[in-house]
C-alpha atoms as a PDB file:
ATOM      1  CA  MET A   1       0.000   0.000   0.000  1.00  0.00           C
ATOM      2  CA  THR A   2       1.407   3.410  -0.928  1.00  0.00           C
ATOM      3  CA  ASN A   3       1.780   6.290   1.462  1.00  0.00           C
ATOM      4  CA  ALA A   4      -0.848   8.183  -0.520  1.00  0.00           C
ATOM      5  CA  ALA A   5      -3.323   5.357  -0.031  1.00  0.00           C
ATOM      6  CA  VAL A   6      -2.605   5.288   3.684  1.00  0.00           C
ATOM      7  CA  GLY A   7      -3.195   9.029   3.856  1.00  0.00           C
ATOM      8  CA  GLU A   8      -6.479   8.683   1.979  1.00  0.00           C
ATOM      9  CA  ASP A   9      -7.655   5.963   4.400  1.00  0.00           C
ATOM     10  CA  GLN A  10      -6.738   8.120   7.358  1.00  0.00           C
ATOM     11  CA  ASP A  11      -8.583  11.109   5.892  1.00  0.00           C
ATOM     12  CA  THR A  12     -11.644   8.960   5.232  1.00  0.00           C
ATOM     13  CA  GLY A  13     -11.621   7.616   8.763  1.00  0.00           C
ATOM     14  CA  SER A  14     -11.248  11.102  10.191  1.00  0.00           C
ATOM     15  CA  GLY A  15     -14.110  12.371   8.018  1.00  0.00           C
ATOM     16  CA  ILE A  16     -16.386   9.551   9.155  1.00  0.00           C
ATOM     17  CA  GLN A  17     -15.574  10.350  12.787  1.00  0.00           C
ATOM     18  CA  VAL A  18     -16.437  14.013  12.276  1.00  0.00           C
ATOM     19  CA  ILE A  19     -19.764  13.094  10.668  1.00  0.00           C
ATOM     20  CA  ALA A  20     -20.558  10.670  13.485  1.00  0.00           C
ATOM     21  CA  ARG A  21     -19.777  13.310  16.103  1.00  0.00           C
ATOM     22  CA  ALA A  22     -21.891  15.912  14.291  1.00  0.00           C
ATOM     23  CA  ALA A  23     -24.781  13.435  14.165  1.00  0.00           C
ATOM     24  CA  THR A  24     -24.413  12.862  17.915  1.00  0.00           C
ATOM     25  CA  VAL A  25     -24.625  16.603  18.561  1.00  0.00           C
ATOM     26  CA  LEU A  26     -27.714  16.922  16.354  1.00  0.00           C
ATOM     27  CA  ARG A  27     -29.431  14.029  18.124  1.00  0.00           C
ATOM     28  CA  ALA A  28     -28.751  15.639  21.494  1.00  0.00           C
ATOM     29  CA  LEU A  29     -30.334  18.890  20.312  1.00  0.00           C
ATOM     30  CA  GLU A  30     -33.305  17.107  18.732  1.00  0.00           C
ATOM     31  CA  SER A  31     -34.809  16.450  22.160  1.00  0.00           C
ATOM     32  CA  HIS A  32     -34.161  20.042  23.341  1.00  0.00           C
ATOM     33  CA  PRO A  33     -36.173  22.284  20.985  1.00  0.00           C
ATOM     34  CA  ASP A  34     -35.352  25.369  23.085  1.00  0.00           C
ATOM     35  CA  GLY A  35     -31.631  24.756  22.662  1.00  0.00           C
ATOM     36  CA  MET A  36     -28.605  23.820  24.751  1.00  0.00           C
ATOM     37  CA  SER A  37     -25.368  25.505  25.759  1.00  0.00           C
ATOM     38  CA  LEU A  38     -22.034  24.189  24.477  1.00  0.00           C
ATOM     39  CA  THR A  39     -21.240  22.921  27.964  1.00  0.00           C
ATOM     40  CA  GLN A  40     -24.547  21.037  28.142  1.00  0.00           C
ATOM     41  CA  ILE A  41     -23.967  19.499  24.716  1.00  0.00           C
ATOM     42  CA  ALA A  42     -20.418  18.463  25.622  1.00  0.00           C
ATOM     43  CA  LYS A  43     -21.628  16.783  28.806  1.00  0.00           C
ATOM     44  CA  THR A  44     -24.486  15.018  27.009  1.00  0.00           C
ATOM     45  CA  VAL A  45     -22.421  13.629  24.117  1.00  0.00           C
ATOM     46  CA  GLY A  46     -19.212  13.015  26.061  1.00  0.00           C
ATOM     47  CA  LEU A  47     -16.925  15.224  23.966  1.00  0.00           C
ATOM     48  CA  ALA A  48     -14.569  18.034  24.882  1.00  0.00           C
ATOM     49  CA  ARG A  49     -16.161  21.479  24.808  1.00  0.00           C
ATOM     50  CA  SER A  50     -13.589  22.652  22.243  1.00  0.00           C
ATOM     51  CA  THR A  51     -14.542  19.778  19.939  1.00  0.00           C
ATOM     52  CA  VAL A  52     -18.233  20.570  20.349  1.00  0.00           C
ATOM     53  CA  GLN A  53     -17.540  24.223  19.597  1.00  0.00           C
ATOM     54  CA  ARG A  54     -15.866  23.336  16.283  1.00  0.00           C
ATOM     55  CA  ILE A  55     -18.710  21.008  15.293  1.00  0.00           C
ATOM     56  CA  VAL A  56     -21.354  23.574  16.279  1.00  0.00           C
ATOM     57  CA  SER A  57     -19.580  26.301  14.297  1.00  0.00           C
ATOM     58  CA  ALA A  58     -19.537  24.125  11.164  1.00  0.00           C
ATOM     59  CA  LEU A  59     -23.181  23.119  11.533  1.00  0.00           C
ATOM     60  CA  THR A  60     -24.209  26.734  12.152  1.00  0.00           C
ATOM     61  CA  ALA A  61     -22.419  27.824   8.978  1.00  0.00           C
ATOM     62  CA  GLU A  62     -24.591  25.329   7.050  1.00  0.00           C
ATOM     63  CA  ASP A  63     -27.773  26.626   8.751  1.00  0.00           C
ATOM     64  CA  PHE A  64     -28.251  23.256  10.479  1.00  0.00           C
ATOM     65  CA  LEU A  65     -27.972  25.006  13.850  1.00  0.00           C
ATOM     66  CA  THR A  66     -28.888  28.526  14.931  1.00  0.00           C
ATOM     67  CA  PRO A  67     -28.283  30.634  18.061  1.00  0.00           C
ATOM     68  CA  ALA A  68     -30.866  29.922  20.758  1.00  0.00           C
ATOM     69  CA  GLY A  69     -30.584  33.274  22.529  1.00  0.00           C
ATOM     70  CA  ILE A  70     -28.271  35.667  24.267  1.00  0.00           C
ATOM     71  CA  GLY A  71     -26.905  32.923  26.526  1.00  0.00           C
ATOM     72  CA  GLY A  72     -24.740  31.443  23.768  1.00  0.00           C
ATOM     73  CA  GLY A  73     -26.712  28.250  23.266  1.00  0.00           C
ATOM     74  CA  VAL A  74     -27.810  26.731  19.964  1.00  0.00           C
ATOM     75  CA  ARG A  75     -30.837  24.874  18.658  1.00  0.00           C
ATOM     76  CA  ILE A  76     -31.834  23.055  15.468  1.00  0.00           C
ATOM     77  CA  GLY A  77     -31.754  25.469  12.542  1.00  0.00           C
ATOM     78  CA  ALA A  78     -33.968  26.069   9.545  1.00  0.00           C
ATOM     79  CA  GLY A  79     -31.692  24.169   7.157  1.00  0.00           C
ATOM     80  CA  LEU A  80     -32.114  20.905   9.033  1.00  0.00           C
ATOM     81  CA  ALA A  81     -35.812  21.591   9.552  1.00  0.00           C
ATOM     82  CA  ARG A  82     -36.206  21.937   5.764  1.00  0.00           C
ATOM     83  CA  LEU A  83     -34.526  18.583   5.218  1.00  0.00           C
ATOM     84  CA  GLY A  84     -36.766  16.985   7.828  1.00  0.00           C
ATOM     85  CA  SER A  85     -39.842  18.525   6.260  1.00  0.00           C
ATOM     86  CA  SER A  86     -38.858  17.146   2.863  1.00  0.00           C
ATOM     87  CA  ILE A  87     -38.444  13.635   4.270  1.00  0.00           C
ATOM     88  CA  ARG A  88     -41.776  13.806   6.106  1.00  0.00           C
ATOM     89  CA  SER A  89     -43.561  15.062   3.018  1.00  0.00           C
ATOM     90  CA  ASN A  90     -42.210  12.123   1.038  1.00  0.00           C
ATOM     91  CA  VAL A  91     -43.399   9.653   3.686  1.00  0.00           C
ATOM     92  CA  ALA A  92     -46.828  11.291   3.809  1.00  0.00           C
ATOM     93  CA  GLU A  93     -47.165  11.165   0.017  1.00  0.00           C
ATOM     94  CA  LEU A  94     -46.260   7.471  -0.095  1.00  0.00           C
ATOM     95  CA  VAL A  95     -48.660   6.506   2.660  1.00  0.00           C
ATOM     96  CA  ARG A  96     -51.599   8.867   2.007  1.00  0.00           C
ATOM     97  CA  PRO A  97     -53.522   6.587  -0.411  1.00  0.00           C
ATOM     98  CA  TYR A  98     -53.430   3.808   2.176  1.00  0.00           C
ATOM     99  CA  LEU A  99     -54.419   6.259   4.935  1.00  0.00           C
ATOM    100  CA  ARG A 100     -57.481   7.312   2.964  1.00  0.00           C
ATOM    101  CA  LEU A 101     -58.515   3.711   2.435  1.00  0.00           C
ATOM    102  CA  LEU A 102     -58.000   2.938   6.121  1.00  0.00           C
ATOM    103  CA  SER A 103     -60.087   5.930   7.188  1.00  0.00           C
ATOM    104  CA  GLU A 104     -62.888   4.857   4.819  1.00  0.00           C
ATOM    105  CA  LYS A 105     -62.910   1.281   6.108  1.00  0.00           C
ATOM    106  CA  ALA A 106     -62.648   2.258   9.779  1.00  0.00           C
ATOM    107  CA  ASP A 107     -64.972   5.256   9.368  1.00  0.00           C
ATOM    108  CA  GLU A 108     -62.722   7.119  11.822  1.00  0.00           C
ATOM    109  CA  THR A 109     -59.966   9.716  11.871  1.00  0.00           C
ATOM    110  CA  VAL A 110     -56.526   8.305  10.986  1.00  0.00           C
ATOM    111  CA  ASP A 111     -53.225   9.921  12.030  1.00  0.00           C
ATOM    112  CA  LEU A 112     -49.717   9.512  10.575  1.00  0.00           C
ATOM    113  CA  ALA A 113     -46.723  10.245  12.811  1.00  0.00           C
ATOM    114  CA  VAL A 114     -42.934   9.923  12.863  1.00  0.00           C
ATOM    115  CA  LEU A 115     -40.371   9.742  15.635  1.00  0.00           C
ATOM    116  CA  ALA A 116     -38.819  13.060  16.740  1.00  0.00           C
ATOM    117  CA  GLY A 117     -36.602  12.856  19.813  1.00  0.00           C
ATOM    118  CA  GLY A 118     -38.719  11.450  22.624  1.00  0.00           C
ATOM    119  CA  SER A 119     -41.982  12.208  20.844  1.00  0.00           C
ATOM    120  CA  VAL A 120     -44.095  11.292  17.884  1.00  0.00           C
ATOM    121  CA  ILE A 121     -44.992  14.239  15.687  1.00  0.00           C
ATOM    122  CA  PHE A 122     -48.144  14.174  13.564  1.00  0.00           C
ATOM    123  CA  ILE A 123     -47.385  14.777   9.873  1.00  0.00           C
ATOM    124  CA  ASP A 124     -50.703  13.894   8.224  1.00  0.00           C
ATOM    125  CA  GLN A 125     -54.320  13.192   9.098  1.00  0.00           C
ATOM    126  CA  ILE A 126     -57.432  11.917   7.339  1.00  0.00           C
ATOM    127  CA  PRO A 127     -60.529  13.100   9.275  1.00  0.00           C
ATOM    128  CA  GLY A 128     -63.368  10.667   9.877  1.00  0.00           C
ATOM    129  CA  ARG A 129     -67.001  11.339   9.052  1.00  0.00           C
ATOM    130  CA  HIS A 130     -68.581  10.887  12.473  1.00  0.00           C
ATOM    131  CA  ARG A 131     -70.072  13.949  14.150  1.00  0.00           C
ATOM    132  CA  LEU A 132     -68.202  12.960  17.331  1.00  0.00           C
ATOM    133  CA  LEU A 133     -64.500  12.596  16.507  1.00  0.00           C
ATOM    134  CA  ALA A 134     -61.148  12.395  18.298  1.00  0.00           C
ATOM    135  CA  ARG A 135     -58.783  14.709  16.415  1.00  0.00           C
ATOM    136  CA  SER A 136     -55.366  16.313  16.869  1.00  0.00           C
ATOM    137  CA  ALA A 137     -53.572  18.881  14.735  1.00  0.00           C
ATOM    138  CA  VAL A 138     -50.802  18.093  12.272  1.00  0.00           C
ATOM    139  CA  GLY A 139     -47.518  19.281  13.786  1.00  0.00           C
ATOM    140  CA  GLU A 140     -48.433  18.390  17.368  1.00  0.00           C
ATOM    141  CA  ARG A 141     -45.986  16.336  19.433  1.00  0.00           C
ATOM    142  CA  PHE A 142     -47.167  13.484  21.657  1.00  0.00           C
ATOM    143  CA  PRO A 143     -45.427  11.264  24.222  1.00  0.00           C
ATOM    144  CA  LEU A 144     -44.141   7.844  23.278  1.00  0.00           C
ATOM    145  CA  HIS A 145     -45.062   6.126  26.526  1.00  0.00           C
ATOM    146  CA  CYS A 146     -48.816   6.757  26.748  1.00  0.00           C
ATOM    147  CA  THR A 147     -50.084   6.906  23.154  1.00  0.00           C
ATOM    148  CA  ALA A 148     -50.920   4.093  20.759  1.00  0.00           C
ATOM    149  CA  ASN A 149     -48.643   5.360  17.987  1.00  0.00           C
ATOM    150  CA  GLY A 150     -45.880   6.151  20.483  1.00  0.00           C
ATOM    151  CA  LYS A 151     -45.953   2.656  21.987  1.00  0.00           C
ATOM    152  CA  ALA A 152     -45.950   1.153  18.505  1.00  0.00           C
ATOM    153  CA  VAL A 153     -42.795   3.167  17.738  1.00  0.00           C
ATOM    154  CA  LEU A 154     -41.134   2.074  20.990  1.00  0.00           C
ATOM    155  CA  ALA A 155     -41.836  -1.546  20.064  1.00  0.00           C
ATOM    156  CA  CYS A 156     -39.760  -1.091  16.896  1.00  0.00           C
ATOM    157  CA  PHE A 157     -36.648  -0.951  19.093  1.00  0.00           C
ATOM    158  CA  ASP A 158     -34.937  -3.484  21.318  1.00  0.00           C
ATOM    159  CA  GLU A 159     -35.301  -3.127  25.082  1.00  0.00           C
ATOM    160  CA  ALA A 160     -32.162  -1.023  25.613  1.00  0.00           C
ATOM    161  CA  ASN A 161     -33.007   1.518  22.918  1.00  0.00           C
ATOM    162  CA  ALA A 162     -36.665   1.559  23.950  1.00  0.00           C
ATOM    163  CA  GLU A 163     -35.568   2.411  27.504  1.00  0.00           C
ATOM    164  CA  GLU A 164     -33.497   5.320  26.196  1.00  0.00           C
ATOM    165  CA  LEU A 165     -36.422   6.631  24.163  1.00  0.00           C
ATOM    166  CA  LEU A 166     -38.678   6.193  27.177  1.00  0.00           C
ATOM    167  CA  ARG A 167     -36.374   8.426  29.234  1.00  0.00           C
ATOM    168  CA  LYS A 168     -36.532  11.057  26.491  1.00  0.00           C
ATOM    169  CA  SER A 169     -40.315  10.814  26.306  1.00  0.00           C
ATOM    170  CA  LEU A 170     -40.688  11.350  30.056  1.00  0.00           C
ATOM    171  CA  ALA A 171     -38.258  14.289  29.961  1.00  0.00           C
ATOM    172  CA  GLU A 172     -40.075  15.963  27.055  1.00  0.00           C
ATOM    173  CA  HIS A 173     -43.565  15.369  28.473  1.00  0.00           C
ATOM    174  CA  PRO A 174     -43.437  15.850  32.256  1.00  0.00           C
ATOM    175  CA  ALA A 175     -47.207  16.363  32.366  1.00  0.00           C
ATOM    176  CA  TYR A 176     -47.620  12.670  31.543  1.00  0.00           C
ATOM    177  CA  PRO A 177     -45.852  10.605  34.223  1.00  0.00           C
ATOM    178  CA  LEU A 178     -45.335   6.905  33.630  1.00  0.00           C
ATOM    179  CA  ARG A 179     -48.066   4.973  35.429  1.00  0.00           C
ATOM    180  CA  ASN A 180     -46.419   1.553  35.567  1.00  0.00           C
ATOM    181  CA  ARG A 181     -43.050   0.787  33.950  1.00  0.00           C
ATOM    182  CA  ARG A 182     -43.410  -3.002  34.233  1.00  0.00           C
ATOM    183  CA  SER A 183     -46.843  -2.898  32.628  1.00  0.00           C
ATOM    184  CA  LEU A 184     -45.532  -0.777  29.755  1.00  0.00           C
ATOM    185  CA  MET A 185     -42.653  -3.187  29.127  1.00  0.00           C
ATOM    186  CA  ARG A 186     -45.135  -6.070  28.977  1.00  0.00           C
ATOM    187  CA  GLU A 187     -47.223  -4.085  26.497  1.00  0.00           C
ATOM    188  CA  LEU A 188     -44.193  -3.436  24.289  1.00  0.00           C
ATOM    189  CA  HIS A 189     -43.276  -7.120  24.356  1.00  0.00           C
ATOM    190  CA  GLU A 190     -46.797  -7.977  23.202  1.00  0.00           C
ATOM    191  CA  THR A 191     -46.751  -5.246  20.545  1.00  0.00           C
ATOM    192  CA  ARG A 192     -43.523  -6.651  19.100  1.00  0.00           C
ATOM    193  CA  ARG A 193     -45.432  -9.922  18.643  1.00  0.00           C
ATOM    194  CA  THR A 194     -48.758  -8.576  17.355  1.00  0.00           C
ATOM    195  CA  HIS A 195     -47.648  -5.190  15.883  1.00  0.00           C
ATOM    196  CA  VAL A 196     -50.628  -3.538  17.623  1.00  0.00           C
ATOM    197  CA  ALA A 197     -50.518  -1.001  20.480  1.00  0.00           C
ATOM    198  CA  PHE A 198     -53.328   0.598  22.461  1.00  0.00           C
ATOM    199  CA  ASP A 199     -54.015   3.811  24.353  1.00  0.00           C
ATOM    200  CA  LEU A 200     -56.993   3.372  26.659  1.00  0.00           C
ATOM    201  CA  GLU A 201     -57.515   6.921  27.912  1.00  0.00           C
ATOM    202  CA  GLU A 202     -53.866   7.193  28.998  1.00  0.00           C
ATOM    203  CA  HIS A 203     -53.119  10.360  27.068  1.00  0.00           C
ATOM    204  CA  ALA A 204     -56.526  12.030  27.056  1.00  0.00           C
ATOM    205  CA  GLY A 205     -59.721  11.314  28.952  1.00  0.00           C
ATOM    206  CA  GLY A 206     -62.523  10.013  26.789  1.00  0.00           C
ATOM    207  CA  VAL A 207     -60.214   9.009  23.918  1.00  0.00           C
ATOM    208  CA  SER A 208     -58.927   5.521  23.104  1.00  0.00           C
ATOM    209  CA  ALA A 209     -56.789   4.486  20.159  1.00  0.00           C
ATOM    210  CA  VAL A 210     -55.140   1.610  18.353  1.00  0.00           C
ATOM    211  CA  GLY A 211     -51.812   2.063  16.587  1.00  0.00           C
ATOM    212  CA  VAL A 212     -49.177   0.285  14.505  1.00  0.00           C
ATOM    213  CA  ALA A 213     -45.701   1.187  13.287  1.00  0.00           C
ATOM    214  CA  MET A 214     -43.511   0.131  10.394  1.00  0.00           C
ATOM    215  CA  LEU A 215     -40.046   0.993   9.112  1.00  0.00           C
ATOM    216  CA  ASP A 216     -39.341   3.037   6.007  1.00  0.00           C
ATOM    217  CA  ALA A 217     -36.576   2.251   3.514  1.00  0.00           C
ATOM    218  CA  LEU A 218     -33.996   3.869   5.819  1.00  0.00           C
ATOM    219  CA  GLY A 219     -35.120   1.951   8.889  1.00  0.00           C
ATOM    220  CA  ARG A 220     -36.982   4.849  10.519  1.00  0.00           C
ATOM    221  CA  PRO A 221     -40.269   4.123  12.327  1.00  0.00           C
ATOM    222  CA  VAL A 222     -43.508   5.497  10.885  1.00  0.00           C
ATOM    223  CA  ALA A 223     -46.660   5.138  12.979  1.00  0.00           C
ATOM    224  CA  VAL A 224     -50.371   5.220  12.242  1.00  0.00           C
ATOM    225  CA  SER A 225     -53.150   5.408  14.806  1.00  0.00           C
ATOM    226  CA  ILE A 226     -56.933   5.425  14.859  1.00  0.00           C
ATOM    227  CA  PRO A 227     -58.217   7.528  17.786  1.00  0.00           C
ATOM    228  CA  THR A 228     -61.876   7.205  18.723  1.00  0.00           C
ATOM    229  CA  PRO A 229     -64.165   8.418  21.500  1.00  0.00           C
ATOM    230  CA  SER A 230     -63.900   5.775  24.222  1.00  0.00           C
ATOM    231  CA  GLN A 231     -67.673   5.280  24.318  1.00  0.00           C
ATOM    232  CA  ARG A 232     -67.611   3.443  20.980  1.00  0.00           C
ATOM    233  CA  PHE A 233     -64.099   1.949  21.120  1.00  0.00           C
ATOM    234  CA  PRO A 234     -64.927  -1.413  22.811  1.00  0.00           C
ATOM    235  CA  GLN A 235     -67.487  -2.329  20.153  1.00  0.00           C
ATOM    236  CA  GLN A 236     -65.138  -1.340  17.326  1.00  0.00           C
ATOM    237  CA  ARG A 237     -61.857  -2.627  18.729  1.00  0.00           C
ATOM    238  CA  ASP A 238     -61.612  -5.915  16.825  1.00  0.00           C
ATOM    239  CA  LYS A 239     -62.668  -4.299  13.559  1.00  0.00           C
ATOM    240  CA  LEU A 240     -60.153  -1.462  13.959  1.00  0.00           C
ATOM    241  CA  VAL A 241     -57.354  -3.918  14.737  1.00  0.00           C
ATOM    242  CA  ALA A 242     -58.129  -5.929  11.605  1.00  0.00           C
ATOM    243  CA  HIS A 243     -58.233  -2.816   9.415  1.00  0.00           C
ATOM    244  CA  ILE A 244     -55.038  -1.287  10.782  1.00  0.00           C
ATOM    245  CA  LEU A 245     -53.093  -4.559  10.406  1.00  0.00           C
ATOM    246  CA  GLU A 246     -54.250  -4.797   6.796  1.00  0.00           C
ATOM    247  CA  PHE A 247     -53.103  -1.196   6.323  1.00  0.00           C
ATOM    248  CA  ARG A 248     -49.717  -1.994   7.883  1.00  0.00           C
ATOM    249  CA  GLU A 249     -49.086  -4.858   5.471  1.00  0.00           C
ATOM    250  CA  ARG A 250     -49.893  -2.739   2.425  1.00  0.00           C
ATOM    251  CA  ALA A 251     -48.147   0.465   3.524  1.00  0.00           C
ATOM    252  CA  SER A 252     -45.001  -1.370   4.667  1.00  0.00           C
ATOM    253  CA  ALA A 253     -44.467  -2.596   1.146  1.00  0.00           C
ATOM    254  CA  ALA A 254     -44.782   0.953  -0.231  1.00  0.00           C
ATOM    255  CA  LEU A 255     -42.405   2.430   2.372  1.00  0.00           C
ATOM    256  CA  SER A 256     -39.708  -0.191   1.875  1.00  0.00           C
ATOM    257  CA  LYS A 257     -39.189   0.623  -1.816  1.00  0.00           C
END
């Protein structure tokens, strides 16, 4: 091997390390929408503050990060938000025909969500036709640990990674304390087997939901849920489960292409 080739390998390895470290910084900031200081980032990701400062400066120059305020912190910038929006739009476009069909069969509102930090964020919705509906707005963020779509997303991960996401979910949504950790872990184990998760008035009184999740072509979880007023959920539960599992099979094939 020539010296030039050795140098190229070393440069490639160094470049990969820089990208990996930048990704770590971005992931840390993803769960802190109001921003973090350089010291907080360094402590979270386990890097020297000087290293974090260089990474932050480069990401800020590309508009991936932006100043968070007069305190010197940074938060996710518009450039990265635009990339995220483009990805979400693509997912929504791929899945929307199947969402419409699911909403028609279930005769209920259907929500599409993706993972964002310790939350699921709604990116599309097909409203149902009932006069009494359970609806949320596109763009809203919901906890992972007490929603049907959030639990379905958690079940896409192994126990260790699910625990880490659970910690993020509790940190981002302090108004929704975890009722019973052991019970939730049993639910996730069952969801990994059946693909179906439930929210029985855990997130909002009077609202129950069934949810599923699948992975897109890049291995990212995409979740769909059917929220309904709890008064009619027991009678519809089996039908909704059958419809949403049929949806999952069809939409998974579209997302994996």
